[in-house]
Amino acid sequence: MFQEFPATLEEPQEISISFIDLAIKGGWVMLPILLLSFIAIYIYVERYYVITRAGKEDMNFMNRIKDYIYDGKIDAAMALCRSNDSPAARMVEKGINRLGRPLNDVNTAIENIGKLEIYKLEKGLPVLATVAGAAPMIGFLGTVIGMIKAFYDMANAGSNIDVSMLSNGIYTALVTTVAGLIVGILAYFAYNMLVVKVEKVVFKLEATSTEFMDILNEPVK
C-alpha cells in the first residue's frame, strides 16, 4: 500500500579547492601578477628599512657641530659628520667643506646634496607605483582572455552546452581579476606609506639645513 522511499537521500557533495589550485586555474596571466607582487614586497621592505634609518636623528648632533664650529675645531666637526651615517650628516659635511666661501655657495652646496639624498630615498618608488597600476590591468587582461575562452568553448559545444565546460574560462576571468586588484591595492597603499615617510625625512633635512645656515650666520660670541 505504501510506497517505499530510500532510507537515505544523497546529499550534494561540497566542492573544495585550495589556494594553489585556484591560482593555477588563473592560467599564465597569474605569473606576471605573481612576479609583480614579489617586486612590490621587495621594494617596500627594502625602502622602508632605508627610509626609516635615514629618518633617525641624533638630537645632540647639531649642538655638537655648533660647538665645534664656534671653537674652530673644523676637523672634529668633519669627523663627527663622517661617523654619523645619515643624509643630514652628509649635508652638513658638504657645508663644512665649503666654509670660507660665500654663504650662498655653502647653501647651494647643501641643497644639491639634499636633492641627491632625496633621490636616493625615492629610488624604487616609481617602480612600486607602476606595479600599483599595472597589476589590475594585467588582471583585467586575464578577464578578457578568460571570457574569450569561455565563449570559444561555448561555440564549439554547439547545443551540448554544459556549465562545467565553461568553468575554466570563468575561473581564469575571475581569479586573475581578483589577484590583480589585490596586488594593485596593496602596492598602492605601500607606495603612499613610503611617500609619507620620505616627506618626513625631507622636512628634517630642510630643518637641518636651515639650522646649519643659522649657525654660520650667527655672530660668534
N, C-alpha and C. Protein backbone atom coordinates (compact mmCIF):
# COMPACT_ATOMS: atom_id res chain seq x y z
N MET A 1 0.82 -1.20 0.00
CA MET A 1 0.00 0.00 0.00
C MET A 1 0.86 1.26 0.00
N PHE A 2 1.86 1.23 0.80
CA PHE A 2 2.68 2.44 0.91
C PHE A 2 3.90 2.29 0.03
N GLN A 3 4.26 3.40 -0.60
CA GLN A 3 5.44 3.40 -1.47
C GLN A 3 6.70 3.55 -0.61
N GLU A 4 7.65 2.73 -0.84
CA GLU A 4 8.88 2.77 -0.07
C GLU A 4 9.85 3.78 -0.67
N PHE A 5 10.42 4.58 0.23
CA PHE A 5 11.41 5.57 -0.19
C PHE A 5 12.78 5.12 0.26
N PRO A 6 13.82 5.54 -0.39
CA PRO A 6 15.17 5.17 0.04
C PRO A 6 15.42 5.66 1.46
N ALA A 7 16.16 4.88 2.20
CA ALA A 7 16.41 5.24 3.59
C ALA A 7 17.22 6.51 3.69
N THR A 8 18.09 6.71 2.80
CA THR A 8 18.92 7.92 2.83
C THR A 8 18.88 8.59 1.47
N LEU A 9 18.93 9.91 1.51
CA LEU A 9 18.98 10.71 0.28
C LEU A 9 20.42 11.16 0.05
N GLU A 10 20.82 11.13 -1.17
CA GLU A 10 22.17 11.55 -1.50
C GLU A 10 22.28 13.07 -1.33
N GLU A 11 23.25 13.48 -0.51
CA GLU A 11 23.48 14.90 -0.31
C GLU A 11 24.47 15.41 -1.34
N PRO A 12 24.29 16.64 -1.79
CA PRO A 12 25.23 17.19 -2.78
C PRO A 12 26.62 17.29 -2.16
N GLN A 13 27.62 16.87 -2.91
CA GLN A 13 28.99 16.91 -2.42
C GLN A 13 29.52 18.34 -2.47
N GLU A 14 30.16 18.71 -1.38
CA GLU A 14 30.75 20.05 -1.30
C GLU A 14 32.08 20.06 -2.04
N ILE A 15 32.22 21.01 -2.93
CA ILE A 15 33.43 21.12 -3.72
C ILE A 15 34.38 22.09 -3.03
N SER A 16 35.57 21.63 -2.73
CA SER A 16 36.57 22.49 -2.10
C SER A 16 37.78 22.57 -3.02
N ILE A 17 38.44 23.72 -2.98
CA ILE A 17 39.60 23.94 -3.83
C ILE A 17 40.63 24.72 -3.03
N SER A 18 41.88 24.34 -3.15
CA SER A 18 42.95 25.00 -2.41
C SER A 18 43.34 26.30 -3.11
N PHE A 19 44.08 27.10 -2.37
CA PHE A 19 44.51 28.39 -2.92
C PHE A 19 45.42 28.19 -4.12
N ILE A 20 46.31 27.19 -4.03
CA ILE A 20 47.23 26.93 -5.14
C ILE A 20 46.48 26.47 -6.38
N ASP A 21 45.52 25.57 -6.19
CA ASP A 21 44.73 25.10 -7.33
C ASP A 21 43.94 26.26 -7.95
N LEU A 22 43.45 27.13 -7.10
CA LEU A 22 42.71 28.28 -7.60
C LEU A 22 43.61 29.21 -8.41
N ALA A 23 44.83 29.40 -7.92
CA ALA A 23 45.78 30.25 -8.65
C ALA A 23 46.15 29.62 -9.98
N ILE A 24 46.29 28.29 -10.00
CA ILE A 24 46.63 27.61 -11.25
C ILE A 24 45.52 27.79 -12.29
N LYS A 25 44.28 27.81 -11.82
CA LYS A 25 43.16 27.98 -12.75
C LYS A 25 43.17 29.37 -13.40
N GLY A 26 43.94 30.30 -12.79
CA GLY A 26 44.05 31.62 -13.40
C GLY A 26 44.87 31.63 -14.67
N GLY A 27 45.63 30.57 -14.89
CA GLY A 27 46.39 30.46 -16.13
C GLY A 27 47.71 31.22 -16.07
N TRP A 28 48.31 31.38 -17.24
CA TRP A 28 49.63 32.01 -17.32
C TRP A 28 49.60 33.46 -16.91
N VAL A 29 48.45 34.10 -16.93
CA VAL A 29 48.37 35.51 -16.54
C VAL A 29 48.75 35.69 -15.08
N MET A 30 48.60 34.65 -14.27
CA MET A 30 48.97 34.75 -12.86
C MET A 30 50.47 34.90 -12.67
N LEU A 31 51.27 34.47 -13.63
CA LEU A 31 52.73 34.55 -13.49
C LEU A 31 53.23 35.99 -13.41
N PRO A 32 52.85 36.87 -14.36
CA PRO A 32 53.30 38.26 -14.21
C PRO A 32 52.72 38.95 -12.98
N ILE A 33 51.50 38.58 -12.59
CA ILE A 33 50.92 39.17 -11.37
C ILE A 33 51.72 38.73 -10.15
N LEU A 34 52.11 37.46 -10.12
CA LEU A 34 52.91 36.95 -9.01
C LEU A 34 54.28 37.62 -8.99
N LEU A 35 54.87 37.81 -10.16
CA LEU A 35 56.16 38.49 -10.24
C LEU A 35 56.07 39.93 -9.73
N LEU A 36 55.00 40.62 -10.11
CA LEU A 36 54.80 42.00 -9.64
C LEU A 36 54.63 42.04 -8.12
N SER A 37 53.97 41.04 -7.57
CA SER A 37 53.78 41.02 -6.12
C SER A 37 55.12 40.86 -5.41
N PHE A 38 56.01 40.02 -5.92
CA PHE A 38 57.33 39.85 -5.33
C PHE A 38 58.15 41.14 -5.43
N ILE A 39 58.05 41.80 -6.58
CA ILE A 39 58.76 43.07 -6.76
C ILE A 39 58.26 44.11 -5.77
N ALA A 40 56.94 44.19 -5.60
CA ALA A 40 56.36 45.17 -4.68
C ALA A 40 56.79 44.90 -3.24
N ILE A 41 56.79 43.64 -2.85
CA ILE A 41 57.18 43.29 -1.48
C ILE A 41 58.64 43.64 -1.24
N TYR A 42 59.50 43.31 -2.20
CA TYR A 42 60.92 43.60 -2.04
C TYR A 42 61.18 45.10 -1.92
N ILE A 43 60.57 45.88 -2.82
CA ILE A 43 60.79 47.33 -2.80
C ILE A 43 60.28 47.93 -1.50
N TYR A 44 59.12 47.49 -1.05
CA TYR A 44 58.55 48.06 0.17
C TYR A 44 59.43 47.76 1.38
N VAL A 45 59.84 46.52 1.55
CA VAL A 45 60.65 46.15 2.71
C VAL A 45 62.00 46.86 2.68
N GLU A 46 62.64 46.87 1.50
CA GLU A 46 63.96 47.48 1.38
C GLU A 46 63.90 48.99 1.59
N ARG A 47 62.92 49.66 0.95
CA ARG A 47 62.80 51.11 1.10
C ARG A 47 62.35 51.50 2.51
N TYR A 48 61.50 50.69 3.12
CA TYR A 48 61.04 51.00 4.47
C TYR A 48 62.23 51.02 5.43
N TYR A 49 63.11 50.05 5.28
CA TYR A 49 64.29 49.99 6.14
C TYR A 49 65.20 51.19 5.90
N VAL A 50 65.46 51.50 4.62
CA VAL A 50 66.37 52.60 4.28
C VAL A 50 65.81 53.94 4.74
N ILE A 51 64.53 54.18 4.47
CA ILE A 51 63.93 55.48 4.82
C ILE A 51 63.82 55.63 6.33
N THR A 52 63.46 54.55 7.02
CA THR A 52 63.38 54.62 8.47
C THR A 52 64.74 54.92 9.08
N ARG A 53 65.77 54.30 8.53
CA ARG A 53 67.13 54.56 9.02
C ARG A 53 67.55 56.00 8.74
N ALA A 54 67.17 56.51 7.58
CA ALA A 54 67.54 57.88 7.24
C ALA A 54 66.80 58.89 8.11
N GLY A 55 65.62 58.52 8.60
CA GLY A 55 64.83 59.44 9.40
C GLY A 55 65.28 59.55 10.84
N LYS A 56 66.15 58.62 11.29
CA LYS A 56 66.63 58.70 12.67
C LYS A 56 67.62 59.85 12.80
N GLU A 57 67.52 60.57 13.89
CA GLU A 57 68.39 61.72 14.09
C GLU A 57 68.93 61.75 15.51
N ASP A 58 70.14 62.24 15.62
CA ASP A 58 70.78 62.44 16.91
C ASP A 58 70.44 63.85 17.39
N MET A 59 69.76 63.95 18.51
CA MET A 59 69.29 65.25 18.99
C MET A 59 70.44 66.18 19.34
N ASN A 60 71.61 65.62 19.67
CA ASN A 60 72.76 66.44 20.05
C ASN A 60 73.72 66.70 18.89
N PHE A 61 73.37 66.15 17.71
CA PHE A 61 74.30 66.27 16.58
C PHE A 61 74.57 67.73 16.21
N MET A 62 73.52 68.50 16.00
CA MET A 62 73.71 69.89 15.59
C MET A 62 74.31 70.74 16.70
N ASN A 63 74.00 70.42 17.94
CA ASN A 63 74.61 71.17 19.05
C ASN A 63 76.12 70.95 19.09
N ARG A 64 76.55 69.71 18.84
CA ARG A 64 77.98 69.43 18.82
C ARG A 64 78.65 70.09 17.62
N ILE A 65 77.97 70.08 16.47
CA ILE A 65 78.50 70.76 15.29
C ILE A 65 78.67 72.25 15.58
N LYS A 66 77.68 72.83 16.21
CA LYS A 66 77.73 74.25 16.54
C LYS A 66 78.91 74.56 17.45
N ASP A 67 79.13 73.73 18.47
CA ASP A 67 80.24 73.95 19.40
C ASP A 67 81.58 73.81 18.69
N TYR A 68 81.71 72.81 17.83
CA TYR A 68 82.96 72.60 17.12
C TYR A 68 83.27 73.77 16.20
N ILE A 69 82.26 74.26 15.50
CA ILE A 69 82.48 75.38 14.57
C ILE A 69 82.86 76.64 15.33
N TYR A 70 82.19 76.92 16.41
CA TYR A 70 82.49 78.12 17.19
C TYR A 70 83.87 78.04 17.84
N ASP A 71 84.30 76.80 18.16
CA ASP A 71 85.62 76.62 18.76
C ASP A 71 86.72 76.49 17.71
N GLY A 72 86.34 76.53 16.43
CA GLY A 72 87.31 76.41 15.36
C GLY A 72 87.80 75.01 15.14
N LYS A 73 87.11 74.00 15.68
CA LYS A 73 87.50 72.60 15.52
C LYS A 73 86.81 72.01 14.29
N ILE A 74 87.25 72.44 13.14
CA ILE A 74 86.62 72.01 11.88
C ILE A 74 86.85 70.53 11.63
N ASP A 75 88.07 70.06 11.94
CA ASP A 75 88.37 68.63 11.72
C ASP A 75 87.49 67.75 12.60
N ALA A 76 87.24 68.19 13.83
CA ALA A 76 86.37 67.41 14.72
C ALA A 76 84.94 67.39 14.20
N ALA A 77 84.49 68.52 13.63
CA ALA A 77 83.14 68.57 13.06
C ALA A 77 83.03 67.64 11.85
N MET A 78 84.08 67.62 11.03
CA MET A 78 84.08 66.73 9.88
C MET A 78 84.07 65.26 10.32
N ALA A 79 84.85 64.94 11.34
CA ALA A 79 84.89 63.57 11.83
C ALA A 79 83.54 63.15 12.40
N LEU A 80 82.87 64.07 13.05
CA LEU A 80 81.54 63.76 13.60
C LEU A 80 80.55 63.47 12.47
N CYS A 81 80.61 64.24 11.41
CA CYS A 81 79.71 64.03 10.28
C CYS A 81 79.98 62.67 9.62
N ARG A 82 81.25 62.32 9.48
CA ARG A 82 81.59 61.07 8.81
C ARG A 82 81.23 59.85 9.66
N SER A 83 81.21 60.04 10.97
CA SER A 83 80.84 58.93 11.86
C SER A 83 79.33 58.73 11.95
N ASN A 84 78.58 59.72 11.46
CA ASN A 84 77.12 59.65 11.50
C ASN A 84 76.60 59.37 10.09
N ASP A 85 76.21 58.14 9.85
CA ASP A 85 75.76 57.74 8.50
C ASP A 85 74.30 58.11 8.31
N SER A 86 74.07 59.37 7.92
CA SER A 86 72.71 59.84 7.70
C SER A 86 72.74 60.93 6.63
N PRO A 87 71.62 61.16 5.93
CA PRO A 87 71.59 62.22 4.93
C PRO A 87 71.88 63.59 5.51
N ALA A 88 71.39 63.88 6.71
CA ALA A 88 71.62 65.18 7.34
C ALA A 88 73.11 65.40 7.61
N ALA A 89 73.78 64.36 8.08
CA ALA A 89 75.22 64.48 8.36
C ALA A 89 76.00 64.73 7.08
N ARG A 90 75.61 64.08 5.99
CA ARG A 90 76.32 64.29 4.72
C ARG A 90 76.07 65.70 4.19
N MET A 91 74.89 66.25 4.42
CA MET A 91 74.62 67.62 4.03
C MET A 91 75.50 68.59 4.82
N VAL A 92 75.55 68.40 6.12
CA VAL A 92 76.36 69.28 6.96
C VAL A 92 77.83 69.16 6.61
N GLU A 93 78.28 67.92 6.32
CA GLU A 93 79.68 67.72 5.93
C GLU A 93 80.01 68.52 4.67
N LYS A 94 79.12 68.51 3.70
CA LYS A 94 79.36 69.29 2.48
C LYS A 94 79.40 70.78 2.80
N GLY A 95 78.53 71.23 3.71
CA GLY A 95 78.56 72.64 4.09
C GLY A 95 79.85 73.02 4.78
N ILE A 96 80.35 72.14 5.64
CA ILE A 96 81.61 72.42 6.34
C ILE A 96 82.76 72.47 5.35
N ASN A 97 82.70 71.62 4.32
CA ASN A 97 83.75 71.64 3.29
C ASN A 97 83.78 72.97 2.54
N ARG A 98 82.66 73.66 2.51
CA ARG A 98 82.57 74.93 1.79
C ARG A 98 82.79 76.14 2.69
N LEU A 99 83.17 75.91 3.92
CA LEU A 99 83.40 77.05 4.82
C LEU A 99 84.53 77.93 4.28
N GLY A 100 84.35 79.24 4.39
CA GLY A 100 85.29 80.19 3.83
C GLY A 100 84.81 80.78 2.52
N ARG A 101 83.84 80.14 1.90
CA ARG A 101 83.25 80.68 0.68
C ARG A 101 82.00 81.49 1.03
N PRO A 102 81.44 82.21 0.06
CA PRO A 102 80.21 82.97 0.35
C PRO A 102 79.10 82.04 0.83
N LEU A 103 78.25 82.58 1.70
CA LEU A 103 77.19 81.76 2.29
C LEU A 103 76.23 81.22 1.24
N ASN A 104 76.05 81.96 0.16
CA ASN A 104 75.17 81.47 -0.91
C ASN A 104 75.73 80.20 -1.55
N ASP A 105 77.07 80.15 -1.70
CA ASP A 105 77.70 78.95 -2.24
C ASP A 105 77.55 77.78 -1.28
N VAL A 106 77.69 78.04 0.01
CA VAL A 106 77.52 76.99 1.01
C VAL A 106 76.10 76.45 0.98
N ASN A 107 75.15 77.38 0.92
CA ASN A 107 73.73 76.97 0.90
C ASN A 107 73.41 76.17 -0.35
N THR A 108 73.95 76.58 -1.49
CA THR A 108 73.71 75.86 -2.75
C THR A 108 74.29 74.45 -2.68
N ALA A 109 75.50 74.33 -2.10
CA ALA A 109 76.13 73.01 -1.98
C ALA A 109 75.29 72.10 -1.10
N ILE A 110 74.76 72.63 -0.01
CA ILE A 110 73.92 71.84 0.89
C ILE A 110 72.65 71.40 0.18
N GLU A 111 72.03 72.31 -0.56
CA GLU A 111 70.79 71.98 -1.26
C GLU A 111 71.03 70.90 -2.32
N ASN A 112 72.16 70.97 -3.01
CA ASN A 112 72.46 69.96 -4.03
C ASN A 112 72.63 68.57 -3.41
N ILE A 113 73.34 68.52 -2.27
CA ILE A 113 73.48 67.24 -1.59
C ILE A 113 72.13 66.74 -1.10
N GLY A 114 71.31 67.68 -0.60
CA GLY A 114 69.97 67.30 -0.15
C GLY A 114 69.14 66.69 -1.26
N LYS A 115 69.23 67.25 -2.46
CA LYS A 115 68.49 66.71 -3.59
C LYS A 115 68.98 65.30 -3.94
N LEU A 116 70.29 65.08 -3.87
CA LEU A 116 70.83 63.76 -4.16
C LEU A 116 70.36 62.74 -3.11
N GLU A 117 70.33 63.16 -1.85
CA GLU A 117 69.89 62.26 -0.80
C GLU A 117 68.40 61.91 -0.97
N ILE A 118 67.61 62.89 -1.34
CA ILE A 118 66.17 62.63 -1.56
C ILE A 118 65.98 61.68 -2.74
N TYR A 119 66.79 61.89 -3.78
CA TYR A 119 66.72 61.00 -4.95
C TYR A 119 67.04 59.56 -4.55
N LYS A 120 68.04 59.39 -3.67
CA LYS A 120 68.40 58.05 -3.21
C LYS A 120 67.25 57.43 -2.42
N LEU A 121 66.58 58.24 -1.60
CA LEU A 121 65.48 57.71 -0.80
C LEU A 121 64.30 57.30 -1.67
N GLU A 122 64.07 58.03 -2.75
CA GLU A 122 62.92 57.76 -3.62
C GLU A 122 63.21 56.68 -4.65
N LYS A 123 64.41 56.12 -4.61
CA LYS A 123 64.75 55.06 -5.56
C LYS A 123 63.83 53.86 -5.38
N GLY A 124 63.24 53.42 -6.47
CA GLY A 124 62.33 52.27 -6.42
C GLY A 124 60.87 52.64 -6.28
N LEU A 125 60.58 53.85 -5.81
CA LEU A 125 59.17 54.23 -5.63
C LEU A 125 58.42 54.32 -6.96
N PRO A 126 59.02 54.84 -8.03
CA PRO A 126 58.30 54.82 -9.32
C PRO A 126 57.94 53.41 -9.77
N VAL A 127 58.83 52.44 -9.51
CA VAL A 127 58.53 51.05 -9.88
C VAL A 127 57.35 50.54 -9.07
N LEU A 128 57.30 50.89 -7.78
CA LEU A 128 56.19 50.46 -6.94
C LEU A 128 54.88 51.09 -7.42
N ALA A 129 54.93 52.35 -7.85
CA ALA A 129 53.74 52.99 -8.40
C ALA A 129 53.30 52.32 -9.70
N THR A 130 54.28 51.88 -10.49
CA THR A 130 53.96 51.17 -11.74
C THR A 130 53.28 49.85 -11.44
N VAL A 131 53.75 49.14 -10.42
CA VAL A 131 53.13 47.87 -10.03
C VAL A 131 51.68 48.11 -9.62
N ALA A 132 51.44 49.20 -8.86
CA ALA A 132 50.09 49.51 -8.40
C ALA A 132 49.13 49.73 -9.57
N GLY A 133 49.65 50.26 -10.67
CA GLY A 133 48.79 50.50 -11.83
C GLY A 133 48.74 49.33 -12.80
N ALA A 134 49.85 48.61 -12.92
CA ALA A 134 49.94 47.55 -13.92
C ALA A 134 49.25 46.26 -13.48
N ALA A 135 49.30 45.94 -12.20
CA ALA A 135 48.73 44.68 -11.73
C ALA A 135 47.23 44.56 -12.03
N PRO A 136 46.41 45.58 -11.71
CA PRO A 136 44.99 45.46 -12.07
C PRO A 136 44.76 45.36 -13.58
N MET A 137 45.59 46.06 -14.37
CA MET A 137 45.42 46.00 -15.82
C MET A 137 45.72 44.60 -16.34
N ILE A 138 46.76 43.96 -15.79
CA ILE A 138 47.06 42.59 -16.20
C ILE A 138 45.93 41.66 -15.76
N GLY A 139 45.38 41.93 -14.57
CA GLY A 139 44.23 41.14 -14.11
C GLY A 139 43.05 41.27 -15.05
N PHE A 140 42.78 42.47 -15.53
CA PHE A 140 41.68 42.68 -16.49
C PHE A 140 41.98 42.01 -17.82
N LEU A 141 43.25 41.96 -18.19
CA LEU A 141 43.63 41.22 -19.39
C LEU A 141 43.27 39.76 -19.24
N GLY A 142 43.54 39.21 -18.06
CA GLY A 142 43.15 37.83 -17.80
C GLY A 142 41.65 37.64 -17.86
N THR A 143 40.89 38.67 -17.43
CA THR A 143 39.43 38.60 -17.51
C THR A 143 38.97 38.46 -18.97
N VAL A 144 39.55 39.28 -19.82
CA VAL A 144 39.19 39.23 -21.24
C VAL A 144 39.56 37.88 -21.85
N ILE A 145 40.76 37.40 -21.51
CA ILE A 145 41.21 36.10 -22.03
C ILE A 145 40.28 34.98 -21.56
N GLY A 146 39.91 35.03 -20.29
CA GLY A 146 39.02 34.01 -19.75
C GLY A 146 37.65 34.02 -20.40
N MET A 147 37.11 35.19 -20.64
CA MET A 147 35.79 35.28 -21.28
C MET A 147 35.85 34.82 -22.73
N ILE A 148 36.94 35.16 -23.43
CA ILE A 148 37.10 34.67 -24.80
C ILE A 148 37.16 33.15 -24.81
N LYS A 149 37.88 32.59 -23.86
CA LYS A 149 37.98 31.13 -23.77
C LYS A 149 36.63 30.50 -23.48
N ALA A 150 35.85 31.13 -22.59
CA ALA A 150 34.53 30.59 -22.26
C ALA A 150 33.61 30.63 -23.47
N PHE A 151 33.60 31.73 -24.21
CA PHE A 151 32.74 31.82 -25.39
C PHE A 151 33.21 30.90 -26.50
N TYR A 152 34.53 30.71 -26.58
CA TYR A 152 35.06 29.79 -27.58
C TYR A 152 34.59 28.36 -27.30
N ASP A 153 34.68 27.94 -26.04
CA ASP A 153 34.21 26.61 -25.67
C ASP A 153 32.71 26.48 -25.88
N MET A 154 31.98 27.55 -25.62
CA MET A 154 30.53 27.53 -25.82
C MET A 154 30.19 27.36 -27.31
N ALA A 155 30.95 28.05 -28.15
CA ALA A 155 30.68 27.96 -29.59
C ALA A 155 31.00 26.57 -30.13
N ASN A 156 32.06 25.97 -29.63
CA ASN A 156 32.43 24.63 -30.10
C ASN A 156 31.49 23.56 -29.57
N ALA A 157 30.83 23.83 -28.44
CA ALA A 157 29.95 22.82 -27.86
C ALA A 157 28.64 22.70 -28.62
N GLY A 158 28.30 23.74 -29.35
CA GLY A 158 27.04 23.70 -30.08
C GLY A 158 25.86 23.69 -29.13
N SER A 159 24.96 22.70 -29.30
CA SER A 159 23.77 22.61 -28.44
C SER A 159 24.06 21.85 -27.14
N ASN A 160 25.20 21.20 -27.05
CA ASN A 160 25.55 20.43 -25.85
C ASN A 160 26.36 21.27 -24.87
N ILE A 161 25.79 22.38 -24.45
CA ILE A 161 26.49 23.30 -23.54
C ILE A 161 26.34 22.81 -22.12
N ASP A 162 27.46 22.72 -21.44
CA ASP A 162 27.49 22.30 -20.04
C ASP A 162 28.22 23.36 -19.22
N VAL A 163 27.73 23.57 -18.02
CA VAL A 163 28.34 24.59 -17.16
C VAL A 163 29.80 24.26 -16.89
N SER A 164 30.09 23.00 -16.64
CA SER A 164 31.47 22.61 -16.36
C SER A 164 32.40 22.90 -17.52
N MET A 165 31.83 22.95 -18.71
CA MET A 165 32.62 23.23 -19.90
C MET A 165 33.12 24.66 -19.89
N LEU A 166 32.36 25.55 -19.27
CA LEU A 166 32.71 26.97 -19.24
C LEU A 166 33.50 27.36 -18.00
N SER A 167 33.68 26.44 -17.09
CA SER A 167 34.27 26.78 -15.79
C SER A 167 35.71 27.27 -15.92
N ASN A 168 36.48 26.66 -16.82
CA ASN A 168 37.89 27.05 -16.94
C ASN A 168 38.04 28.51 -17.35
N GLY A 169 37.25 28.91 -18.35
CA GLY A 169 37.32 30.30 -18.80
C GLY A 169 36.85 31.27 -17.73
N ILE A 170 35.78 30.90 -17.02
CA ILE A 170 35.26 31.77 -15.97
C ILE A 170 36.25 31.86 -14.80
N TYR A 171 36.86 30.74 -14.45
CA TYR A 171 37.89 30.74 -13.40
C TYR A 171 39.02 31.70 -13.78
N THR A 172 39.48 31.59 -15.01
CA THR A 172 40.57 32.46 -15.46
C THR A 172 40.17 33.92 -15.34
N ALA A 173 38.95 34.24 -15.75
CA ALA A 173 38.49 35.62 -15.73
C ALA A 173 38.42 36.17 -14.31
N LEU A 174 37.84 35.40 -13.40
CA LEU A 174 37.61 35.91 -12.05
C LEU A 174 38.88 35.89 -11.20
N VAL A 175 39.65 34.81 -11.29
CA VAL A 175 40.84 34.68 -10.45
C VAL A 175 41.87 35.75 -10.80
N THR A 176 42.11 35.98 -12.08
CA THR A 176 43.10 36.98 -12.47
C THR A 176 42.64 38.38 -12.08
N THR A 177 41.35 38.65 -12.16
CA THR A 177 40.84 39.97 -11.76
C THR A 177 41.08 40.20 -10.28
N VAL A 178 40.73 39.23 -9.46
CA VAL A 178 40.90 39.37 -8.02
C VAL A 178 42.39 39.50 -7.67
N ALA A 179 43.23 38.66 -8.26
CA ALA A 179 44.66 38.70 -7.97
C ALA A 179 45.26 40.05 -8.36
N GLY A 180 44.91 40.53 -9.54
CA GLY A 180 45.44 41.82 -9.99
C GLY A 180 45.01 42.97 -9.10
N LEU A 181 43.76 42.95 -8.67
CA LEU A 181 43.26 44.02 -7.80
C LEU A 181 43.93 43.97 -6.43
N ILE A 182 44.11 42.77 -5.89
CA ILE A 182 44.75 42.65 -4.57
C ILE A 182 46.18 43.19 -4.61
N VAL A 183 46.96 42.77 -5.61
CA VAL A 183 48.33 43.23 -5.72
C VAL A 183 48.37 44.74 -5.96
N GLY A 184 47.49 45.23 -6.82
CA GLY A 184 47.47 46.66 -7.11
C GLY A 184 47.10 47.50 -5.90
N ILE A 185 46.10 47.07 -5.15
CA ILE A 185 45.68 47.84 -3.97
C ILE A 185 46.77 47.86 -2.91
N LEU A 186 47.37 46.70 -2.64
CA LEU A 186 48.43 46.64 -1.64
C LEU A 186 49.64 47.48 -2.06
N ALA A 187 49.99 47.41 -3.34
CA ALA A 187 51.12 48.21 -3.82
C ALA A 187 50.81 49.70 -3.75
N TYR A 188 49.58 50.07 -3.97
CA TYR A 188 49.18 51.48 -3.89
C TYR A 188 49.32 52.00 -2.47
N PHE A 189 48.83 51.22 -1.50
CA PHE A 189 48.96 51.63 -0.10
C PHE A 189 50.43 51.68 0.32
N ALA A 190 51.22 50.69 -0.12
CA ALA A 190 52.64 50.65 0.23
C ALA A 190 53.35 51.87 -0.34
N TYR A 191 53.02 52.23 -1.58
CA TYR A 191 53.65 53.40 -2.21
C TYR A 191 53.36 54.68 -1.42
N ASN A 192 52.11 54.87 -1.06
CA ASN A 192 51.74 56.09 -0.34
C ASN A 192 52.36 56.13 1.06
N MET A 193 52.47 54.98 1.71
CA MET A 193 53.12 54.94 3.02
C MET A 193 54.58 55.37 2.91
N LEU A 194 55.27 54.89 1.88
CA LEU A 194 56.67 55.26 1.70
C LEU A 194 56.82 56.73 1.33
N VAL A 195 55.89 57.24 0.53
CA VAL A 195 55.94 58.66 0.16
C VAL A 195 55.81 59.54 1.40
N VAL A 196 54.92 59.17 2.29
CA VAL A 196 54.74 59.94 3.53
C VAL A 196 56.02 59.91 4.36
N LYS A 197 56.66 58.75 4.45
CA LYS A 197 57.90 58.64 5.21
C LYS A 197 59.01 59.48 4.59
N VAL A 198 59.08 59.50 3.26
CA VAL A 198 60.09 60.32 2.58
C VAL A 198 59.84 61.80 2.86
N GLU A 199 58.59 62.22 2.83
CA GLU A 199 58.27 63.62 3.10
C GLU A 199 58.70 64.03 4.51
N LYS A 200 58.58 63.14 5.47
CA LYS A 200 59.03 63.44 6.83
C LYS A 200 60.54 63.62 6.87
N VAL A 201 61.27 62.77 6.13
CA VAL A 201 62.72 62.89 6.08
C VAL A 201 63.11 64.20 5.40
N VAL A 202 62.40 64.56 4.34
CA VAL A 202 62.69 65.81 3.63
C VAL A 202 62.50 67.00 4.56
N PHE A 203 61.46 66.98 5.37
CA PHE A 203 61.23 68.06 6.32
C PHE A 203 62.39 68.16 7.32
N LYS A 204 62.89 67.01 7.79
CA LYS A 204 64.01 67.02 8.73
C LYS A 204 65.27 67.55 8.07
N LEU A 205 65.49 67.20 6.80
CA LEU A 205 66.66 67.70 6.08
C LEU A 205 66.59 69.21 5.90
N GLU A 206 65.41 69.71 5.58
CA GLU A 206 65.25 71.16 5.44
C GLU A 206 65.50 71.87 6.77
N ALA A 207 65.02 71.27 7.85
CA ALA A 207 65.25 71.86 9.17
C ALA A 207 66.73 71.86 9.52
N THR A 208 67.43 70.78 9.20
CA THR A 208 68.86 70.70 9.46
C THR A 208 69.63 71.72 8.64
N SER A 209 69.26 71.86 7.37
CA SER A 209 69.92 72.84 6.51
C SER A 209 69.73 74.26 7.05
N THR A 210 68.52 74.57 7.45
CA THR A 210 68.24 75.91 7.98
C THR A 210 69.02 76.15 9.27
N GLU A 211 69.07 75.14 10.12
CA GLU A 211 69.79 75.29 11.39
C GLU A 211 71.28 75.48 11.15
N PHE A 212 71.84 74.77 10.19
CA PHE A 212 73.27 74.92 9.90
C PHE A 212 73.58 76.31 9.36
N MET A 213 72.73 76.80 8.46
CA MET A 213 72.95 78.14 7.93
C MET A 213 72.78 79.20 9.01
N ASP A 214 71.90 78.96 9.95
CA ASP A 214 71.76 79.89 11.07
C ASP A 214 73.02 79.92 11.92
N ILE A 215 73.67 78.76 12.06
CA ILE A 215 74.92 78.71 12.82
C ILE A 215 75.99 79.56 12.14
N LEU A 216 76.03 79.48 10.81
CA LEU A 216 77.04 80.26 10.08
C LEU A 216 76.72 81.75 10.10
N ASN A 217 75.45 82.08 10.12
CA ASN A 217 75.06 83.49 10.11
C ASN A 217 75.10 84.11 11.50
N GLU A 218 75.07 83.28 12.52
CA GLU A 218 75.04 83.81 13.88
C GLU A 218 76.42 84.30 14.27
N PRO A 219 76.53 85.50 14.79
CA PRO A 219 77.85 86.01 15.18
C PRO A 219 78.43 85.22 16.34
N VAL A 220 79.71 84.97 16.28
CA VAL A 220 80.38 84.24 17.35
C VAL A 220 80.49 85.12 18.58
N LYS A 221 80.05 84.58 19.72
CA LYS A 221 80.07 85.35 20.97
C LYS A 221 81.44 85.21 21.65
